Amino acid sequence: MRQAIALADTAEIVPLSDREVDELLQNTPAIDRRNGRPFLMRNVVPALPSKLELEIVSVRLVGSRLWISGGVIGCDEFRKAPVVIYLPTSPTGVDIMASEIF
């Protein structure tokens, strides 16, 4: 995760090679690579008091921008949590909405 966070700190959208995806996602199930090119996207997630992170709730393209959103009830803090997403083209930007509901 540290390598992904360091990459995402340099730019909000980072194109990746298949080798880089394999290095970043070592312990994840096989990815369906037919849906485009891999991009590392800057993201934050609300963290629960138990220190578990909430999974992404919604990812969608709106025009040429990627929207990533998630929320949780009673969050402690927000943590950096970059994601790898396969897209047909590079979005022009990433809009992140991470919210806490009291």
Protein backbone atom coordinates (compact mmCIF):
# COMPACT_ATOMS: atom_id res chain seq x y z
CA MET A 1 0.00 0.00 0.00
CA ARG A 2 2.88 2.40 0.72
CA GLN A 3 4.12 2.17 -2.86
CA ALA A 4 0.62 2.93 -4.20
CA ILE A 5 0.21 5.90 -1.83
CA ALA A 6 3.61 7.28 -2.87
CA LEU A 7 2.67 7.00 -6.56
CA ALA A 8 -0.75 8.59 -5.99
CA ASP A 9 0.88 11.47 -4.11
CA THR A 10 2.73 12.43 -7.31
CA ALA A 11 -0.43 12.73 -9.47
CA GLU A 12 -4.15 12.04 -9.05
CA ILE A 13 -4.15 9.69 -12.08
CA VAL A 14 -1.16 7.41 -12.79
CA PRO A 15 -1.22 5.12 -15.87
CA LEU A 16 0.15 1.67 -15.00
CA SER A 17 1.66 -1.24 -16.88
CA ASP A 18 0.39 -4.79 -16.23
CA ARG A 19 3.67 -5.48 -14.38
CA GLU A 20 3.09 -2.48 -12.09
CA VAL A 21 -0.47 -3.66 -11.39
CA ASP A 22 0.84 -7.11 -10.43
CA GLU A 23 3.42 -5.52 -8.10
CA LEU A 24 0.89 -3.23 -6.43
CA LEU A 25 -1.87 -5.84 -6.07
CA GLN A 26 0.19 -8.87 -5.04
CA ASN A 27 -2.39 -10.54 -2.83
CA THR A 28 -5.58 -9.85 -4.73
CA PRO A 29 -7.64 -12.11 -6.98
CA ALA A 30 -7.06 -12.06 -10.74
CA ILE A 31 -8.30 -8.91 -12.46
CA ASP A 32 -10.38 -8.87 -15.63
CA ARG A 33 -8.08 -6.86 -17.89
CA ARG A 34 -10.44 -6.68 -20.87
CA ASN A 35 -12.07 -3.44 -19.79
CA GLY A 36 -9.30 -1.03 -20.75
CA ARG A 37 -6.01 0.22 -19.37
CA PRO A 38 -5.07 0.23 -15.68
CA PHE A 39 -4.85 3.55 -13.82
CA LEU A 40 -3.93 4.20 -10.22
CA MET A 41 -6.34 6.79 -8.80
CA ARG A 42 -5.80 8.98 -5.76
CA ASN A 43 -8.48 8.22 -3.17
CA VAL A 44 -9.32 8.54 0.53
CA VAL A 45 -11.62 6.40 2.64
CA PRO A 46 -13.32 7.00 5.97
CA ALA A 47 -11.81 4.75 8.67
CA LEU A 48 -14.01 3.15 11.30
CA PRO A 49 -13.05 3.35 14.99
CA SER A 50 -11.98 -0.31 14.75
CA LYS A 51 -9.36 0.85 12.17
CA LEU A 52 -11.09 -1.09 9.41
CA GLU A 53 -11.41 0.87 6.19
CA LEU A 54 -14.64 1.19 4.28
CA GLU A 55 -14.65 -0.24 0.78
CA ILE A 56 -15.40 2.09 -2.12
CA VAL A 57 -19.14 2.58 -2.44
CA SER A 58 -19.34 4.10 -5.92
CA VAL A 59 -17.04 4.68 -8.90
CA ARG A 60 -18.37 6.22 -12.10
CA LEU A 61 -17.36 8.33 -15.05
CA VAL A 62 -19.16 11.66 -15.29
CA GLY A 63 -18.22 13.23 -18.59
CA SER A 64 -14.45 12.90 -18.69
CA ARG A 65 -13.97 12.89 -14.89
CA LEU A 66 -13.98 9.92 -12.52
CA TRP A 67 -16.12 10.23 -9.39
CA ILE A 68 -15.24 8.06 -6.37
CA SER A 69 -17.47 8.21 -3.29
CA GLY A 70 -17.92 6.43 0.02
CA GLY A 71 -19.27 7.07 3.48
CA VAL A 72 -19.55 5.58 6.92
CA ILE A 73 -21.38 6.22 10.19
CA GLY A 74 -19.04 7.31 12.99
CA CYS A 75 -15.63 7.54 11.34
CA ASP A 76 -12.36 8.22 13.23
CA GLU A 77 -10.35 9.72 10.39
CA PHE A 78 -9.83 9.64 6.64
CA ARG A 79 -6.97 7.58 5.19
CA LYS A 80 -5.24 7.56 1.82
CA ALA A 81 -6.36 4.47 -0.11
CA PRO A 82 -5.45 4.60 -3.82
CA VAL A 83 -7.36 2.30 -6.16
CA VAL A 84 -6.52 0.60 -9.45
CA ILE A 85 -9.28 1.00 -12.02
CA TYR A 86 -9.40 -0.24 -15.62
CA LEU A 87 -10.82 2.34 -18.03
CA PRO A 88 -10.96 2.67 -21.82
CA THR A 89 -9.31 6.14 -21.64
CA SER A 90 -7.65 8.31 -19.02
CA PRO A 91 -10.08 10.60 -17.19
CA THR A 92 -9.24 14.30 -17.04
CA GLY A 93 -9.46 14.28 -13.24
CA VAL A 94 -10.71 12.51 -10.13
CA ASP A 95 -13.38 13.86 -7.76
CA ILE A 96 -13.44 12.20 -4.34
CA MET A 97 -16.28 12.38 -1.86
CA ALA A 98 -15.64 10.65 1.46
CA SER A 99 -18.19 11.44 4.13
CA GLU A 100 -18.97 10.72 7.73
CA ILE A 101 -22.52 10.58 9.04
CA PHE A 102 -23.03 11.26 12.74
